[in-house]
PDB file of all heavy atoms in Angstrom:
ATOM      1  N   VAL A   1      -8.616  -6.499  -7.247  1.00  0.00           N
ATOM      2  CA  VAL A   1      -7.520  -6.109  -8.209  1.00  0.00           C
ATOM      3  C   VAL A   1      -6.281  -6.805  -7.651  1.00  0.00           C
ATOM      4  O   VAL A   1      -5.913  -6.694  -6.542  1.00  0.00           O
ATOM      5  CB  VAL A   1      -7.322  -4.623  -8.104  1.00  0.00           C
ATOM      6  CG1 VAL A   1      -6.185  -4.233  -9.057  1.00  0.00           C
ATOM      7  CG2 VAL A   1      -8.630  -3.895  -8.685  1.00  0.00           C
ATOM      8  N   HIS A   2      -5.621  -7.576  -8.542  1.00  0.00           N
ATOM      9  CA  HIS A   2      -4.398  -8.243  -8.298  1.00  0.00           C
ATOM     10  C   HIS A   2      -3.277  -7.566  -9.005  1.00  0.00           C
ATOM     11  O   HIS A   2      -3.153  -7.409 -10.207  1.00  0.00           O
ATOM     12  CB  HIS A   2      -4.558  -9.722  -8.919  1.00  0.00           C
ATOM     13  CG  HIS A   2      -3.337 -10.638  -8.687  1.00  0.00           C
ATOM     14  ND1 HIS A   2      -3.080 -11.354  -7.553  1.00  0.00           N
ATOM     15  CD2 HIS A   2      -2.184 -10.826  -9.513  1.00  0.00           C
ATOM     16  CE1 HIS A   2      -2.003 -11.976  -7.747  1.00  0.00           C
ATOM     17  NE2 HIS A   2      -1.474 -11.677  -8.848  1.00  0.00           N
ATOM     18  N   LEU A   3      -2.288  -7.057  -8.196  1.00  0.00           N
ATOM     19  CA  LEU A   3      -1.159  -6.251  -8.645  1.00  0.00           C
ATOM     20  C   LEU A   3       0.122  -7.029  -8.369  1.00  0.00           C
ATOM     21  O   LEU A   3       0.405  -7.491  -7.141  1.00  0.00           O
ATOM     22  CB  LEU A   3      -1.181  -4.888  -8.004  1.00  0.00           C
ATOM     23  CG  LEU A   3      -2.438  -3.980  -8.175  1.00  0.00           C
ATOM     24  CD1 LEU A   3      -2.279  -2.717  -7.476  1.00  0.00           C
ATOM     25  CD2 LEU A   3      -2.672  -3.693  -9.727  1.00  0.00           C
ATOM     26  N   GLU A   4       1.026  -6.993  -9.384  1.00  0.00           N
ATOM     27  CA  GLU A   4       2.435  -7.427  -9.115  1.00  0.00           C
ATOM     28  C   GLU A   4       3.281  -6.060  -9.168  1.00  0.00           C
ATOM     29  O   GLU A   4       3.286  -5.341 -10.159  1.00  0.00           O
ATOM     30  CB  GLU A   4       2.922  -8.315 -10.337  1.00  0.00           C
ATOM     31  CG  GLU A   4       2.107  -9.583 -10.405  1.00  0.00           C
ATOM     32  CD  GLU A   4       2.262 -10.497  -9.234  1.00  0.00           C
ATOM     33  OE1 GLU A   4       3.241 -10.264  -8.411  1.00  0.00           O
ATOM     34  OE2 GLU A   4       1.491 -11.459  -8.975  1.00  0.00           O
ATOM     35  N   THR A   5       3.786  -5.808  -7.962  1.00  0.00           N
ATOM     36  CA  THR A   5       4.393  -4.469  -7.742  1.00  0.00           C
ATOM     37  C   THR A   5       5.842  -4.541  -7.392  1.00  0.00           C
ATOM     38  O   THR A   5       6.339  -5.550  -6.958  1.00  0.00           O
ATOM     39  CB  THR A   5       3.602  -3.729  -6.573  1.00  0.00           C
ATOM     40  OG1 THR A   5       4.063  -4.382  -5.360  1.00  0.00           O
ATOM     41  CG2 THR A   5       2.180  -3.910  -6.685  1.00  0.00           C
ATOM     42  N   VAL A   6       6.550  -3.400  -7.565  1.00  0.00           N
ATOM     43  CA  VAL A   6       7.915  -3.205  -7.178  1.00  0.00           C
ATOM     44  C   VAL A   6       8.037  -1.825  -6.506  1.00  0.00           C
ATOM     45  O   VAL A   6       7.571  -0.797  -7.203  1.00  0.00           O
ATOM     46  CB  VAL A   6       8.908  -3.322  -8.379  1.00  0.00           C
ATOM     47  CG1 VAL A   6      10.327  -2.967  -7.751  1.00  0.00           C
ATOM     48  CG2 VAL A   6       8.788  -4.651  -9.037  1.00  0.00           C
ATOM     49  N   LEU A   7       8.545  -1.756  -5.341  1.00  0.00           N
ATOM     50  CA  LEU A   7       8.835  -0.509  -4.695  1.00  0.00           C
ATOM     51  C   LEU A   7      10.291  -0.278  -4.478  1.00  0.00           C
ATOM     52  O   LEU A   7      11.053  -1.170  -4.362  1.00  0.00           O
ATOM     53  CB  LEU A   7       8.029  -0.540  -3.307  1.00  0.00           C
ATOM     54  CG  LEU A   7       6.542  -0.720  -3.238  1.00  0.00           C
ATOM     55  CD1 LEU A   7       5.983  -0.721  -1.831  1.00  0.00           C
ATOM     56  CD2 LEU A   7       5.833   0.297  -4.164  1.00  0.00           C
ATOM     57  N   ASP A   8      10.485   1.009  -4.367  1.00  0.00           N
ATOM     58  CA  ASP A   8      11.874   1.465  -4.133  1.00  0.00           C
ATOM     59  C   ASP A   8      12.117   1.706  -2.663  1.00  0.00           C
ATOM     60  O   ASP A   8      13.198   2.156  -2.160  1.00  0.00           O
ATOM     61  CB  ASP A   8      12.272   2.815  -4.864  1.00  0.00           C
ATOM     62  CG  ASP A   8      12.120   2.521  -6.416  1.00  0.00           C
ATOM     63  OD1 ASP A   8      12.401   1.393  -6.860  1.00  0.00           O
ATOM     64  OD2 ASP A   8      11.687   3.506  -7.095  1.00  0.00           O
ATOM     65  N   ALA A   9      11.125   1.474  -1.816  1.00  0.00           N
ATOM     66  CA  ALA A   9      11.158   1.734  -0.358  1.00  0.00           C
ATOM     67  C   ALA A   9      10.565   0.536   0.366  1.00  0.00           C
ATOM     68  O   ALA A   9      10.197  -0.521  -0.265  1.00  0.00           O
ATOM     69  CB  ALA A   9      10.339   2.990   0.040  1.00  0.00           C
ATOM     70  N   THR A  10      10.540   0.566   1.702  1.00  0.00           N
ATOM     71  CA  THR A  10      10.061  -0.563   2.481  1.00  0.00           C
ATOM     72  C   THR A  10       8.509  -0.493   2.718  1.00  0.00           C
ATOM     73  O   THR A  10       7.994  -1.339   3.394  1.00  0.00           O
ATOM     74  CB  THR A  10      10.739  -0.618   3.867  1.00  0.00           C
ATOM     75  OG1 THR A  10      10.546   0.646   4.490  1.00  0.00           O
ATOM     76  CG2 THR A  10      12.229  -0.917   3.625  1.00  0.00           C
ATOM     77  N   ASP A  11       7.868   0.468   2.106  1.00  0.00           N
ATOM     78  CA  ASP A  11       6.355   0.475   2.126  1.00  0.00           C
ATOM     79  C   ASP A  11       5.866   1.349   0.990  1.00  0.00           C
ATOM     80  O   ASP A  11       6.607   2.160   0.371  1.00  0.00           O
ATOM     81  CB  ASP A  11       5.888   1.000   3.446  1.00  0.00           C
ATOM     82  CG  ASP A  11       4.597   0.352   3.914  1.00  0.00           C
ATOM     83  OD1 ASP A  11       3.884  -0.152   3.027  1.00  0.00           O
ATOM     84  OD2 ASP A  11       4.265   0.347   5.082  1.00  0.00           O
ATOM     85  N   GLY A  12       4.567   1.299   0.807  1.00  0.00           N
ATOM     86  CA  GLY A  12       3.873   2.165  -0.262  1.00  0.00           C
ATOM     87  C   GLY A  12       2.376   1.997   0.010  1.00  0.00           C
ATOM     88  O   GLY A  12       1.939   1.350   0.829  1.00  0.00           O
ATOM     89  N   TYR A  13       1.635   2.736  -0.856  1.00  0.00           N
ATOM     90  CA  TYR A  13       0.265   2.798  -0.806  1.00  0.00           C
ATOM     91  C   TYR A  13      -0.460   2.663  -2.150  1.00  0.00           C
ATOM     92  O   TYR A  13       0.061   3.366  -3.122  1.00  0.00           O
ATOM     93  CB  TYR A  13      -0.195   4.056  -0.108  1.00  0.00           C
ATOM     94  CG  TYR A  13      -1.529   4.066   0.419  1.00  0.00           C
ATOM     95  CD1 TYR A  13      -1.835   3.495   1.731  1.00  0.00           C
ATOM     96  CD2 TYR A  13      -2.676   4.684  -0.234  1.00  0.00           C
ATOM     97  CE1 TYR A  13      -3.040   3.446   2.246  1.00  0.00           C
ATOM     98  CE2 TYR A  13      -3.964   4.698   0.341  1.00  0.00           C
ATOM     99  CZ  TYR A  13      -4.168   4.042   1.595  1.00  0.00           C
ATOM    100  OH  TYR A  13      -5.362   4.084   2.171  1.00  0.00           O
ATOM    101  N   TRP A  14      -1.284   1.731  -2.356  1.00  0.00           N
ATOM    102  CA  TRP A  14      -1.908   1.535  -3.694  1.00  0.00           C
ATOM    103  C   TRP A  14      -3.416   1.806  -3.589  1.00  0.00           C
ATOM    104  O   TRP A  14      -4.068   1.429  -2.576  1.00  0.00           O
ATOM    105  CB  TRP A  14      -1.709   0.064  -4.193  1.00  0.00           C
ATOM    106  CG  TRP A  14      -0.322  -0.273  -4.440  1.00  0.00           C
ATOM    107  CD1 TRP A  14       0.593  -0.846  -3.676  1.00  0.00           C
ATOM    108  CD2 TRP A  14       0.372   0.070  -5.630  1.00  0.00           C
ATOM    109  NE1 TRP A  14       1.722  -1.021  -4.255  1.00  0.00           N
ATOM    110  CE2 TRP A  14       1.723  -0.372  -5.518  1.00  0.00           C
ATOM    111  CE3 TRP A  14       0.109   0.726  -6.785  1.00  0.00           C
ATOM    112  CZ2 TRP A  14       2.663  -0.246  -6.488  1.00  0.00           C
ATOM    113  CZ3 TRP A  14       1.105   0.942  -7.802  1.00  0.00           C
ATOM    114  CH2 TRP A  14       2.364   0.449  -7.701  1.00  0.00           C
ATOM    115  N   ALA A  15      -3.970   2.463  -4.622  1.00  0.00           N
ATOM    116  CA  ALA A  15      -5.360   2.698  -4.702  1.00  0.00           C
ATOM    117  C   ALA A  15      -5.824   2.404  -6.128  1.00  0.00           C
ATOM    118  O   ALA A  15      -5.110   2.519  -7.072  1.00  0.00           O
ATOM    119  CB  ALA A  15      -5.715   4.091  -4.348  1.00  0.00           C
ATOM    120  N   ALA A  16      -7.036   2.034  -6.236  1.00  0.00           N
ATOM    121  CA  ALA A  16      -7.596   1.667  -7.539  1.00  0.00           C
ATOM    122  C   ALA A  16      -9.053   2.075  -7.703  1.00  0.00           C
ATOM    123  O   ALA A  16      -9.834   2.027  -6.622  1.00  0.00           O
ATOM    124  CB  ALA A  16      -7.496   0.162  -7.826  1.00  0.00           C
ATOM    125  N   THR A  17      -9.518   2.439  -8.860  1.00  0.00           N
ATOM    126  CA  THR A  17     -10.867   2.801  -9.151  1.00  0.00           C
ATOM    127  C   THR A  17     -11.345   2.087 -10.365  1.00  0.00           C
ATOM    128  O   THR A  17     -10.488   1.846 -11.334  1.00  0.00           O
ATOM    129  CB  THR A  17     -11.100   4.306  -9.360  1.00  0.00           C
ATOM    130  OG1 THR A  17     -10.562   4.756 -10.455  1.00  0.00           O
ATOM    131  CG2 THR A  17     -10.660   5.012  -8.159  1.00  0.00           C
ATOM    132  N   LEU A  18     -12.583   1.649 -10.379  1.00  0.00           N
ATOM    133  CA  LEU A  18     -13.228   1.067 -11.566  1.00  0.00           C
ATOM    134  C   LEU A  18     -14.126   2.132 -12.177  1.00  0.00           C
ATOM    135  O   LEU A  18     -15.042   2.643 -11.445  1.00  0.00           O
ATOM    136  CB  LEU A  18     -13.989  -0.161 -11.296  1.00  0.00           C
ATOM    137  CG  LEU A  18     -14.802  -0.790 -12.424  1.00  0.00           C
ATOM    138  CD1 LEU A  18     -13.782  -1.407 -13.465  1.00  0.00           C
ATOM    139  CD2 LEU A  18     -15.793  -1.793 -11.982  1.00  0.00           C
ATOM    140  N   ASN A  19     -13.921   2.490 -13.493  1.00  0.00           N
ATOM    141  CA  ASN A  19     -14.608   3.619 -14.060  1.00  0.00           C
ATOM    142  C   ASN A  19     -15.385   3.110 -15.396  1.00  0.00           C
ATOM    143  O   ASN A  19     -15.023   2.266 -16.100  1.00  0.00           O
ATOM    144  CB  ASN A  19     -13.681   4.674 -14.513  1.00  0.00           C
ATOM    145  CG  ASN A  19     -12.798   5.185 -13.333  1.00  0.00           C
ATOM    146  OD1 ASN A  19     -12.837   4.657 -12.239  1.00  0.00           O
ATOM    147  ND2 ASN A  19     -11.995   6.292 -13.673  1.00  0.00           N
ATOM    148  N   ASP A  20     -16.406   3.951 -15.542  1.00  0.00           N
ATOM    149  CA  ASP A  20     -17.225   3.811 -16.877  1.00  0.00           C
ATOM    150  C   ASP A  20     -16.775   4.988 -17.693  1.00  0.00           C
ATOM    151  O   ASP A  20     -17.035   6.189 -17.357  1.00  0.00           O
ATOM    152  CB  ASP A  20     -18.745   3.934 -16.406  1.00  0.00           C
ATOM    153  CG  ASP A  20     -19.589   4.001 -17.745  1.00  0.00           C
ATOM    154  OD1 ASP A  20     -19.099   3.973 -18.874  1.00  0.00           O
ATOM    155  OD2 ASP A  20     -20.838   4.059 -17.434  1.00  0.00           O
ATOM    156  N   VAL A  21     -16.231   4.765 -18.841  1.00  0.00           N
ATOM    157  CA  VAL A  21     -15.765   5.815 -19.744  1.00  0.00           C
ATOM    158  C   VAL A  21     -16.781   6.001 -20.975  1.00  0.00           C
ATOM    159  O   VAL A  21     -16.973   5.050 -21.721  1.00  0.00           O
ATOM    160  CB  VAL A  21     -14.392   5.547 -20.282  1.00  0.00           C
ATOM    161  CG1 VAL A  21     -13.846   6.717 -21.165  1.00  0.00           C
ATOM    162  CG2 VAL A  21     -13.285   5.303 -19.148  1.00  0.00           C
ATOM    163  N   ALA A  22     -17.409   7.178 -20.988  1.00  0.00           N
ATOM    164  CA  ALA A  22     -18.371   7.481 -22.033  1.00  0.00           C
ATOM    165  C   ALA A  22     -17.703   7.771 -23.333  1.00  0.00           C
ATOM    166  O   ALA A  22     -16.531   8.054 -23.358  1.00  0.00           O
ATOM    167  CB  ALA A  22     -19.194   8.533 -21.580  1.00  0.00           C
ATOM    168  N   PRO A  23     -18.475   7.717 -24.470  1.00  0.00           N
ATOM    169  CA  PRO A  23     -17.746   7.992 -25.715  1.00  0.00           C
ATOM    170  C   PRO A  23     -17.276   9.463 -25.878  1.00  0.00           C
ATOM    171  O   PRO A  23     -16.307   9.664 -26.605  1.00  0.00           O
ATOM    172  CB  PRO A  23     -18.935   7.872 -26.747  1.00  0.00           C
ATOM    173  CG  PRO A  23     -19.939   6.758 -26.089  1.00  0.00           C
ATOM    174  CD  PRO A  23     -19.776   7.142 -24.561  1.00  0.00           C
ATOM    175  N   ASP A  24     -17.732  10.335 -25.013  1.00  0.00           N
ATOM    176  CA  ASP A  24     -17.158  11.748 -25.016  1.00  0.00           C
ATOM    177  C   ASP A  24     -15.986  11.834 -24.173  1.00  0.00           C
ATOM    178  O   ASP A  24     -15.320  12.981 -24.033  1.00  0.00           O
ATOM    179  CB  ASP A  24     -18.276  12.713 -24.631  1.00  0.00           C
ATOM    180  CG  ASP A  24     -18.703  12.635 -23.136  1.00  0.00           C
ATOM    181  OD1 ASP A  24     -18.156  11.671 -22.457  1.00  0.00           O
ATOM    182  OD2 ASP A  24     -19.504  13.454 -22.736  1.00  0.00           O
ATOM    183  N   GLY A  25     -15.496  10.757 -23.580  1.00  0.00           N
ATOM    184  CA  GLY A  25     -14.248  10.733 -22.713  1.00  0.00           C
ATOM    185  C   GLY A  25     -14.421  10.872 -21.259  1.00  0.00           C
ATOM    186  O   GLY A  25     -13.545  10.713 -20.450  1.00  0.00           O
ATOM    187  N   ARG A  26     -15.692  11.232 -20.801  1.00  0.00           N
ATOM    188  CA  ARG A  26     -15.973  11.387 -19.311  1.00  0.00           C
ATOM    189  C   ARG A  26     -15.785   9.949 -18.653  1.00  0.00           C
ATOM    190  O   ARG A  26     -16.238   8.984 -19.029  1.00  0.00           O
ATOM    191  CB  ARG A  26     -17.347  11.870 -19.013  1.00  0.00           C
ATOM    192  CG  ARG A  26     -17.724  11.903 -17.654  1.00  0.00           C
ATOM    193  CD  ARG A  26     -19.018  12.648 -17.316  1.00  0.00           C
ATOM    194  NE  ARG A  26     -18.786  13.973 -17.337  1.00  0.00           N
ATOM    195  CZ  ARG A  26     -19.614  14.949 -16.871  1.00  0.00           C
ATOM    196  NH1 ARG A  26     -20.627  14.563 -15.980  1.00  0.00           N
ATOM    197  NH2 ARG A  26     -19.436  16.212 -16.983  1.00  0.00           N
ATOM    198  N   SER A  27     -14.966  10.097 -17.505  1.00  0.00           N
ATOM    199  CA  SER A  27     -14.576   8.824 -16.815  1.00  0.00           C
ATOM    200  C   SER A  27     -15.240   8.950 -15.429  1.00  0.00           C
ATOM    201  O   SER A  27     -14.857   9.738 -14.627  1.00  0.00           O
ATOM    202  CB  SER A  27     -13.033   8.739 -16.648  1.00  0.00           C
ATOM    203  OG  SER A  27     -12.691   7.581 -15.942  1.00  0.00           O
ATOM    204  N   THR A  28     -16.198   7.994 -15.196  1.00  0.00           N
ATOM    205  CA  THR A  28     -17.019   8.027 -13.962  1.00  0.00           C
ATOM    206  C   THR A  28     -16.622   6.874 -13.024  1.00  0.00           C
ATOM    207  O   THR A  28     -16.841   5.843 -13.408  1.00  0.00           O
ATOM    208  CB  THR A  28     -18.450   8.080 -14.379  1.00  0.00           C
ATOM    209  OG1 THR A  28     -18.771   9.208 -15.189  1.00  0.00           O
ATOM    210  CG2 THR A  28     -19.395   8.184 -13.027  1.00  0.00           C
TER     211      THR A  28
END
């Protein structure tokens, strides 16, 4: 995952998930 970010502090923490979203809305 390639992110262009802006922080208001001198550090931060990023996390990402890849999900499969079913037609009923469930996100796995």
